[in-house]
Structures are given as C-alpha cells and as structure tokens.
Amino acid sequence: MIVTACGDGVASGGAADEILIDGSSTVFPISQAVAEEFRKDRPDVQIPVGISGTGGGFKRFVTGEIDISDASRPIKESERAEAAENGIEFTEFIVAYDGLSVVINSSNSFASCLAVDEFKTIWEPGSKVDNWNQVRSDFPDKRLRLYGPDTDSGTFDYFTAEINGEEDASRSDYTASSDDNVLIQGVSGDQGAMGYFGFAYYTENSEILNVLSVDGGDGCIEPTIETIKDGSYSPLSRPMFIYVNDFSLQRPVVKDFIEYYLNNAGALAEEVGFVGLSDEEYQSQFALLP
C-alpha cells in the first residue's frame, strides 16, 4: 500500500521546491520510484535523482551540494571527516536490502555456482585468469571476459571487501562502468562474460542473463527475495542507505519526503527488485527523524 504525501506549500516566490539526490546506481531504482510516487501528490516538488555512484554522491554530499546521498555501502571515515570539516551533519537511514548478484551470459550452461575462493581467484589483484578452464578444470576452454562497476561504486567497494578480503582490492583489467546498463549489455552480448551489480538489475534482465549461486561455505545459495531477506545469501547480502543532510532535513518538504520514503520503501523496494525491511526495522528508522 502506498501512503500519500502531505503538503506544506511551495517555496517563497511561487518557485517549486527542489530536493537534490545523487549517488549509488544500485539504490537509484528505489529512490527514483519513491520520488515519482511522491510527486504524484506533490507535483510542485522537483526531485532529480543522479547516478554518479556511491563515492561520487558522497563527494557532492560532504560539501553540501546535495540534500540526499544514495549509498550501497556505509559512509567511509574519510568521507565522514570531510563532512565534519565542512560543517555538514547528517542522518543515516537504512531503506532496503540488496543481494549483490554475479551474472553470466544466458548461453552459459556449464557454470551455475562458484565458491567465494573461486570468485577471488578471478577478481583478486594481479589475477591473470582469462579462461573458464582456469577457474575449474572441467569447465570448457572458453575466453572469460569481466565486467563490473567502476571504483567510485559502493558495489565495487562491497564486492572487493567480501570477495577479495580488502576494500578496493581488485584486478583492473576488466570493463568498468558506473552505468549498470552498460554492464548488462556487455554480459548479455558476450558468451564468455561474467559481471556483477545489484539484484534489482538482474531481476529486470533475467531473461537475457543467468545468475550464479554463491557458496560462502554453507553450500550454493542463489540470490532471491527469500535468501536475501533471511540472510542465507552470504556474503553478498547488504543494506541500502540514504544519507540526509540535517540542515536540509529542517526543510518541511525534505522531512515530508523522508517520511514518505520510509512509509513506502517496503512496498516499492520489492517492486523494483529489493527486499524491504521489517515493520519494526522501519519504525527504528523513523525514530531517527528529528
């Protein structure tokens, strides 16, 4: 059920209010969906949602350039320190859960599950693996080409930390893009390809991609709404965040938008391929509002 927005009038001078959002391409679908629904009740409010990546969003957020930063990882200490230097105080909200998904071309019939160590062999710094038979000897002699997010991406940060054991530690000889749709096009058009991005982008493109199950030590687990929700899709299940500038949050329209976001994130999250929080978890996020 979608909860409607309440109105507080437009800004002085009759100009439309504006809420500026930028950051994670993974969180983008849910923030965009919330913004579109909110504007059905509040067409006076402009809410552009950018996709410069988690790191790119934080670069703008910590200088006070935007009101809200979408993030697929927690803010780093260095980013937190820069915000403090600039007098930016903020509130962190968890809005949904995601299962980072490793995908392959739909014609790939031999790979269905890889262990974390096998992913590490492929993606770790200095890796020269470029053929599927280097991953497992019973895989065919087939060129392996890699696609993934760029280094400004929170998805990149999370994947490298969980798979390679160190954030930002990755081989660099892969096709990198901040646009998940570029990665989808690459993997879907390359029979030997592998790539990774958020679960929502896989579910939207499941007819042209296969998703790999992940063996984190307890057997092969495929990312689904259920396995992400119960945490069994490990270690690639993760929370999705929005960070809100506390000064912006003093504006009634921004507070209205965040209340609307938390009221509707659960319903809209699953529409766009995320997992909503429990009612109790959303109530704990509401308690963070001033």
Protein backbone atom coordinates (compact mmCIF):
# COMPACT_ATOMS: atom_id res chain seq x y z
CA MET A 1 0.00 0.00 0.00
CA ILE A 2 1.33 3.45 -0.97
CA VAL A 3 0.94 6.10 1.73
CA THR A 4 0.21 9.55 0.29
CA ALA A 5 2.33 12.63 0.87
CA CYS A 6 1.16 15.64 2.84
CA GLY A 7 1.69 19.17 1.55
CA ASP A 8 3.42 22.15 3.12
CA GLY A 9 3.09 24.65 0.25
CA VAL A 10 5.63 25.70 -2.32
CA ALA A 11 8.75 27.74 -1.63
CA SER A 12 8.53 31.54 -1.34
CA GLY A 13 8.08 33.40 -4.60
CA GLY A 14 5.98 30.59 -6.05
CA ALA A 15 9.01 28.59 -7.22
CA ALA A 16 8.85 24.83 -6.95
CA ASP A 17 10.73 23.18 -4.12
CA GLU A 18 13.66 21.02 -5.10
CA ILE A 19 15.26 18.03 -3.39
CA LEU A 20 18.63 17.04 -4.84
CA ILE A 21 19.60 13.36 -4.74
CA ASP A 22 22.70 11.69 -6.18
CA GLY A 23 24.83 8.62 -5.58
CA SER A 24 24.52 4.87 -5.95
CA SER A 25 23.21 3.42 -9.20
CA THR A 26 22.09 0.40 -7.15
CA VAL A 27 19.90 2.48 -4.84
CA PHE A 28 18.71 4.63 -7.77
CA PRO A 29 15.69 2.45 -8.71
CA ILE A 30 14.11 2.69 -5.28
CA SER A 31 14.86 6.41 -4.81
CA GLN A 32 13.54 7.12 -8.29
CA ALA A 33 10.39 5.09 -7.61
CA VAL A 34 9.80 6.91 -4.32
CA ALA A 35 10.40 10.30 -5.97
CA GLU A 36 7.93 9.53 -8.77
CA GLU A 37 5.22 8.41 -6.34
CA PHE A 38 5.82 11.38 -4.03
CA ARG A 39 5.47 13.81 -6.95
CA LYS A 40 2.04 12.41 -7.82
CA ASP A 41 0.82 14.12 -4.65
CA ARG A 42 3.37 16.94 -4.72
CA PRO A 43 3.92 17.94 -8.37
CA ASP A 44 5.32 21.27 -7.15
CA VAL A 45 8.45 19.49 -5.91
CA GLN A 46 11.30 18.74 -8.31
CA ILE A 47 13.38 15.68 -7.29
CA PRO A 48 16.22 14.94 -9.75
CA VAL A 49 17.93 11.64 -8.88
CA GLY A 50 21.51 11.29 -10.14
CA ILE A 51 23.64 8.14 -10.51
CA SER A 52 27.23 9.27 -10.08
CA GLY A 53 28.00 6.24 -7.89
CA THR A 54 28.19 5.97 -4.11
CA GLY A 55 31.60 7.63 -3.98
CA GLY A 56 30.56 10.31 -6.47
CA GLY A 57 27.43 11.04 -4.46
CA PHE A 58 29.37 11.37 -1.23
CA LYS A 59 31.82 13.79 -2.90
CA ARG A 60 28.89 16.11 -3.53
CA PHE A 61 27.14 15.37 -0.24
CA VAL A 62 30.05 16.18 2.07
CA THR A 63 30.36 19.66 0.55
CA GLY A 64 26.66 20.40 0.98
CA GLU A 65 25.92 20.33 -2.75
CA ILE A 66 23.03 17.82 -2.48
CA ASP A 67 20.35 17.04 0.10
CA ILE A 68 20.41 13.24 -0.05
CA SER A 69 23.12 10.75 -0.98
CA ASP A 70 22.12 7.25 -2.09
CA ALA A 71 24.70 4.69 -0.96
CA SER A 72 25.23 0.97 -1.35
CA ARG A 73 27.81 0.98 1.46
CA PRO A 74 28.23 2.89 4.74
CA ILE A 75 29.97 6.24 4.61
CA LYS A 76 33.76 5.96 4.98
CA GLU A 77 35.65 7.59 7.84
CA SER A 78 37.45 9.84 5.35
CA GLU A 79 34.12 11.00 3.92
CA ARG A 80 32.70 11.48 7.41
CA ALA A 81 35.74 13.60 8.33
CA GLU A 82 35.40 15.75 5.21
CA ALA A 83 31.74 16.35 6.01
CA ALA A 84 32.67 17.43 9.53
CA GLU A 85 35.33 19.81 8.18
CA ASN A 86 32.65 21.40 6.01
CA GLY A 87 30.16 21.63 8.85
CA ILE A 88 27.86 19.02 7.31
CA GLU A 89 25.88 16.98 9.82
CA PHE A 90 23.73 14.13 8.55
CA THR A 91 21.48 11.21 9.41
CA GLU A 92 21.90 7.69 8.01
CA PHE A 93 18.81 5.66 7.12
CA ILE A 94 18.67 2.03 6.01
CA VAL A 95 15.90 1.72 3.41
CA ALA A 96 16.14 -1.81 1.98
CA TYR A 97 18.36 -4.85 1.48
CA ASP A 98 20.07 -5.97 -1.72
CA GLY A 99 21.80 -9.13 -2.87
CA LEU A 100 24.82 -8.27 -4.98
CA SER A 101 24.45 -10.55 -8.00
CA VAL A 102 27.15 -12.16 -10.13
CA VAL A 103 25.81 -12.79 -13.62
CA ILE A 104 26.88 -14.64 -16.74
CA ASN A 105 25.67 -14.85 -20.32
CA SER A 106 22.39 -16.71 -20.77
CA SER A 107 24.06 -19.20 -23.13
CA ASN A 108 26.44 -20.36 -20.39
CA SER A 109 25.21 -23.84 -19.45
CA PHE A 110 28.24 -25.10 -17.52
CA ALA A 111 28.55 -22.64 -14.62
CA SER A 112 25.80 -22.39 -12.03
CA CYS A 113 27.61 -21.89 -8.72
CA LEU A 114 31.06 -20.71 -7.67
CA ALA A 115 32.68 -20.66 -4.25
CA VAL A 116 33.94 -17.41 -2.75
CA ASP A 117 37.53 -18.61 -3.25
CA GLU A 118 36.85 -19.19 -6.94
CA PHE A 119 35.47 -15.66 -7.32
CA LYS A 120 38.57 -14.39 -5.54
CA THR A 121 40.83 -16.30 -7.94
CA ILE A 122 39.12 -14.48 -10.80
CA TRP A 123 38.86 -10.98 -9.35
CA GLU A 124 41.81 -10.53 -6.96
CA PRO A 125 44.58 -8.02 -7.77
CA GLY A 126 47.12 -9.43 -10.20
CA SER A 127 44.85 -12.25 -11.37
CA LYS A 128 45.62 -13.42 -14.89
CA VAL A 129 42.61 -15.73 -15.14
CA ASP A 130 41.10 -15.18 -18.59
CA ASN A 131 39.64 -18.59 -19.43
CA TRP A 132 36.87 -20.53 -17.75
CA ASN A 133 39.02 -23.68 -17.59
CA GLN A 134 41.41 -21.79 -15.29
CA VAL A 135 38.56 -21.49 -12.79
CA ARG A 136 37.76 -25.22 -12.86
CA SER A 137 39.49 -27.85 -14.93
CA ASP A 138 36.16 -29.37 -16.03
CA PHE A 139 34.93 -26.03 -17.41
CA PRO A 140 35.37 -25.65 -21.18
CA ASP A 141 38.21 -23.84 -22.90
CA LYS A 142 36.31 -20.56 -23.25
CA ARG A 143 37.52 -16.99 -23.02
CA LEU A 144 36.41 -15.27 -19.78
CA ARG A 145 35.77 -11.55 -20.03
CA LEU A 146 34.88 -9.48 -16.99
CA TYR A 147 32.50 -6.57 -16.48
CA GLY A 148 31.97 -4.63 -13.27
CA PRO A 149 31.35 -1.27 -11.60
CA ASP A 150 33.98 1.43 -11.52
CA THR A 151 35.98 2.39 -8.44
CA ASP A 152 33.53 5.15 -7.39
CA SER A 153 30.87 2.48 -6.89
CA GLY A 154 29.78 1.26 -3.48
CA THR A 155 29.06 -2.08 -5.14
CA PHE A 156 32.74 -2.25 -6.13
CA ASP A 157 33.75 -1.44 -2.54
CA TYR A 158 31.44 -4.11 -1.10
CA PHE A 159 32.34 -6.84 -3.59
CA THR A 160 36.08 -6.36 -3.20
CA ALA A 161 35.83 -6.35 0.60
CA GLU A 162 33.70 -9.50 0.78
CA ILE A 163 35.32 -11.49 -2.05
CA ASN A 164 38.94 -10.29 -2.10
CA GLY A 165 39.18 -9.54 1.62
CA GLU A 166 40.10 -5.89 1.19
CA GLU A 167 38.03 -2.94 0.02
CA ASP A 168 39.10 -1.59 -3.38
CA ALA A 169 41.48 -4.52 -3.96
CA SER A 170 40.72 -5.77 -7.48
CA ARG A 171 42.28 -6.59 -10.78
CA SER A 172 41.92 -3.58 -13.07
CA ASP A 173 41.83 -5.25 -16.50
CA TYR A 174 38.06 -5.54 -16.76
CA THR A 175 35.39 -3.46 -18.48
CA ALA A 176 34.34 -0.94 -15.82
CA SER A 177 31.34 1.38 -15.91
CA SER A 178 29.28 3.45 -13.50
CA ASP A 179 26.23 2.59 -15.62
CA ASP A 180 24.80 -0.83 -14.77
CA ASN A 181 23.02 -0.93 -18.11
CA VAL A 182 26.40 -0.86 -19.87
CA LEU A 183 27.43 -3.90 -17.82
CA ILE A 184 24.18 -5.68 -18.67
CA GLN A 185 24.72 -5.05 -22.37
CA GLY A 186 28.29 -6.29 -22.11
CA VAL A 187 27.50 -9.55 -20.34
CA SER A 188 24.39 -10.29 -22.39
CA GLY A 189 26.33 -9.81 -25.61
CA ASP A 190 29.42 -11.84 -24.68
CA GLN A 191 29.06 -15.62 -24.31
CA GLY A 192 32.06 -15.98 -22.01
CA ALA A 193 31.29 -12.99 -19.82
CA MET A 194 30.91 -12.51 -16.07
CA GLY A 195 29.84 -9.33 -14.28
CA TYR A 196 28.31 -8.11 -11.04
CA PHE A 197 25.80 -5.49 -9.88
CA GLY A 198 22.70 -5.14 -7.69
CA PHE A 199 19.91 -7.73 -7.60
CA ALA A 200 17.34 -5.28 -8.99
CA TYR A 201 19.24 -5.01 -12.26
CA TYR A 202 19.45 -8.79 -12.56
CA THR A 203 15.72 -9.29 -11.95
CA GLU A 204 14.90 -6.72 -14.62
CA ASN A 205 17.11 -8.61 -17.09
CA SER A 206 16.73 -12.24 -16.01
CA GLU A 207 15.54 -13.26 -19.48
CA ILE A 208 18.90 -12.34 -21.02
CA LEU A 209 21.24 -13.17 -18.11
CA ASN A 210 21.93 -16.11 -15.79
CA VAL A 211 22.78 -15.51 -12.16
CA LEU A 212 25.40 -17.56 -10.32
CA SER A 213 24.73 -19.09 -6.94
CA VAL A 214 27.39 -18.38 -4.34
CA ASP A 215 28.93 -20.92 -1.97
CA GLY A 216 30.03 -18.95 1.06
CA GLY A 217 30.81 -22.14 2.99
CA ASP A 218 27.30 -23.49 3.54
CA GLY A 219 26.51 -24.69 0.04
CA CYS A 220 25.30 -22.96 -3.11
CA ILE A 221 22.75 -20.21 -2.49
CA GLU A 222 21.06 -18.29 -5.29
CA PRO A 223 20.08 -14.66 -4.68
CA THR A 224 16.29 -14.43 -4.29
CA ILE A 225 13.97 -12.21 -2.29
CA GLU A 226 13.78 -15.01 0.31
CA THR A 227 17.53 -15.74 0.61
CA ILE A 228 18.39 -12.05 0.79
CA LYS A 229 15.71 -11.48 3.43
CA ASP A 230 16.75 -14.41 5.63
CA GLY A 231 20.48 -13.67 5.22
CA SER A 232 21.36 -17.07 3.78
CA TYR A 233 22.67 -15.44 0.59
CA SER A 234 26.04 -14.78 2.17
CA PRO A 235 28.36 -12.93 1.96
CA LEU A 236 26.77 -10.75 -0.73
CA SER A 237 23.57 -9.58 1.02
CA ARG A 238 23.86 -5.96 2.13
CA PRO A 239 21.83 -2.98 3.38
CA MET A 240 21.00 0.01 1.16
CA PHE A 241 21.32 3.50 2.63
CA ILE A 242 20.28 7.07 2.14
CA TYR A 243 22.18 9.87 3.90
CA VAL A 244 20.28 13.08 4.55
CA ASN A 245 21.84 16.46 5.29
CA ASP A 246 20.48 17.52 8.70
CA PHE A 247 20.18 21.16 7.57
CA SER A 248 18.10 20.03 4.58
CA LEU A 249 16.01 17.90 6.92
CA GLN A 250 14.87 21.08 8.65
CA ARG A 251 13.01 21.99 5.45
CA PRO A 252 9.43 20.66 5.77
CA VAL A 253 9.40 19.34 2.19
CA VAL A 254 12.53 17.27 2.79
CA LYS A 255 11.20 15.88 6.05
CA ASP A 256 7.91 15.05 4.31
CA PHE A 257 9.84 13.26 1.57
CA ILE A 258 11.90 11.17 4.03
CA GLU A 259 8.77 10.24 5.99
CA TYR A 260 7.14 9.24 2.69
CA TYR A 261 10.25 7.29 1.72
CA LEU A 262 10.24 5.27 4.94
CA ASN A 263 6.47 4.72 4.79
CA ASN A 264 6.62 3.37 1.25
CA ALA A 265 10.10 1.91 0.83
CA GLY A 266 8.97 -1.59 1.78
CA ALA A 267 6.29 -1.78 -0.90
CA LEU A 268 8.30 -0.02 -3.60
CA ALA A 269 11.52 -1.90 -2.81
CA GLU A 270 10.10 -5.26 -3.82
CA GLU A 271 8.52 -3.77 -6.94
CA VAL A 272 11.99 -2.81 -8.20
CA GLY A 273 13.88 -5.91 -7.01
CA PHE A 274 14.97 -5.08 -3.46
CA VAL A 275 13.96 -6.56 -0.12
CA GLY A 276 12.10 -4.31 2.27
CA LEU A 277 12.85 -4.09 5.97
CA SER A 278 10.51 -5.48 8.59
CA ASP A 279 7.90 -3.12 10.07
CA GLU A 280 9.95 -2.99 13.26
CA GLU A 281 13.09 -2.04 11.34
CA TYR A 282 11.29 0.76 9.51
CA GLN A 283 9.97 2.04 12.84
CA SER A 284 13.54 2.16 14.14
CA GLN A 285 14.47 4.27 11.11
CA PHE A 286 11.52 6.61 11.75
CA ALA A 287 12.87 7.12 15.28
CA LEU A 288 15.96 8.76 13.76
CA LEU A 289 13.91 11.66 12.39
CA PRO A 290 14.04 14.93 14.34
